[in-house]
C-alpha atoms as a PDB file:
ATOM      1  CA  MET A   1      31.559  11.040  42.145  1.00  0.00           C
ATOM      2  CA  ILE A   2      32.305  10.536  45.525  1.00  0.00           C
ATOM      3  CA  PHE A   3      34.380   7.069  45.014  1.00  0.00           C
ATOM      4  CA  LEU A   4      36.725   9.189  43.335  1.00  0.00           C
ATOM      5  CA  VAL A   5      37.765  11.497  45.909  1.00  0.00           C
ATOM      6  CA  ALA A   6      37.768   9.187  48.180  1.00  0.00           C
ATOM      7  CA  ALA A   7      40.071   6.708  46.004  1.00  0.00           C
ATOM      8  CA  LEU A   8      42.902   9.669  45.668  1.00  0.00           C
ATOM      9  CA  LEU A   9      42.185  10.811  49.498  1.00  0.00           C
ATOM     10  CA  VAL A  10      43.503   6.915  50.269  1.00  0.00           C
ATOM     11  CA  LEU A  11      46.083   6.891  47.587  1.00  0.00           C
ATOM     12  CA  GLY A  12      47.024  10.631  49.630  1.00  0.00           C
ATOM     13  CA  ILE A  13      47.798   9.164  52.601  1.00  0.00           C
ATOM     14  CA  LEU A  14      48.920   6.055  51.404  1.00  0.00           C
ATOM     15  CA  VAL A  15      52.162   7.929  49.329  1.00  0.00           C
ATOM     16  CA  GLY A  16      52.116  10.071  52.508  1.00  0.00           C
ATOM     17  CA  ALA A  17      53.188   6.756  54.149  1.00  0.00           C
ATOM     18  CA  ALA A  18      54.906   6.218  52.363  1.00  0.00           C
ATOM     19  CA  ALA A  19      56.699   8.903  52.313  1.00  0.00           C
ATOM     20  CA  HIS A  20      58.175   8.222  56.187  1.00  0.00           C
ATOM     21  CA  THR A  21      58.879   4.795  55.996  1.00  0.00           C
ATOM     22  CA  PRO A  22      62.701   3.518  55.282  1.00  0.00           C
ATOM     23  CA  LEU A  23      63.649   2.434  52.205  1.00  0.00           C
ATOM     24  CA  PRO A  24      64.858  -1.437  54.332  1.00  0.00           C
ATOM     25  CA  VAL A  25      60.890  -1.606  55.081  1.00  0.00           C
ATOM     26  CA  LEU A  26      60.025   0.106  51.225  1.00  0.00           C
ATOM     27  CA  LEU A  27      61.289  -2.204  49.479  1.00  0.00           C
ATOM     28  CA  PRO A  28      60.132  -5.555  50.132  1.00  0.00           C
ATOM     29  CA  ALA A  29      56.659  -4.178  51.119  1.00  0.00           C
ATOM     30  CA  ALA A  30      57.042  -3.105  47.382  1.00  0.00           C
ATOM     31  CA  GLY A  31      57.882  -5.631  46.612  1.00  0.00           C
ATOM     32  CA  ALA A  32      55.762  -8.094  47.837  1.00  0.00           C
ATOM     33  CA  VAL A  33      52.739  -6.323  46.446  1.00  0.00           C
ATOM     34  CA  ALA A  34      53.793  -6.183  42.579  1.00  0.00           C
ATOM     35  CA  LEU A  35      54.425  -9.984  43.166  1.00  0.00           C
ATOM     36  CA  TRP A  36      51.071  -9.909  44.621  1.00  0.00           C
ATOM     37  CA  LEU A  37      49.624  -8.158  41.983  1.00  0.00           C
ATOM     38  CA  LEU A  38      51.433 -10.231  39.607  1.00  0.00           C
ATOM     39  CA  ALA A  39      49.533 -13.410  40.829  1.00  0.00           C
ATOM     40  CA  PHE A  40      46.502 -12.246  40.529  1.00  0.00           C
ATOM     41  CA  SER A  41      46.480 -10.760  37.109  1.00  0.00           C
ATOM     42  CA  VAL A  42      47.841 -13.815  35.692  1.00  0.00           C
ATOM     43  CA  ARG A  43      45.096 -16.246  37.846  1.00  0.00           C
ATOM     44  CA  GLU A  44      42.995 -13.455  35.692  1.00  0.00           C
ATOM     45  CA  HIS A  45      44.160 -13.974  32.988  1.00  0.00           C
ATOM     46  CA  LEU A  46      44.286 -18.379  32.577  1.00  0.00           C
ATOM     47  CA  ARG A  47      40.613 -17.762  34.040  1.00  0.00           C
ATOM     48  CA  GLU A  48      39.380 -15.766  31.435  1.00  0.00           C
ATOM     49  CA  ARG A  49      40.560 -18.770  29.126  1.00  0.00           C
END
């Protein structure tokens, strides 16, 4: 339960920080995170085979 509370706290902090970040900075950062997640998921998918 404490893990869930900590995860929600961190999520709230990150969303709050993103709300105050200018859009020209936020969009490339979001794109970088999305590419990293895509690369990670492809790597994990290929590892299962």
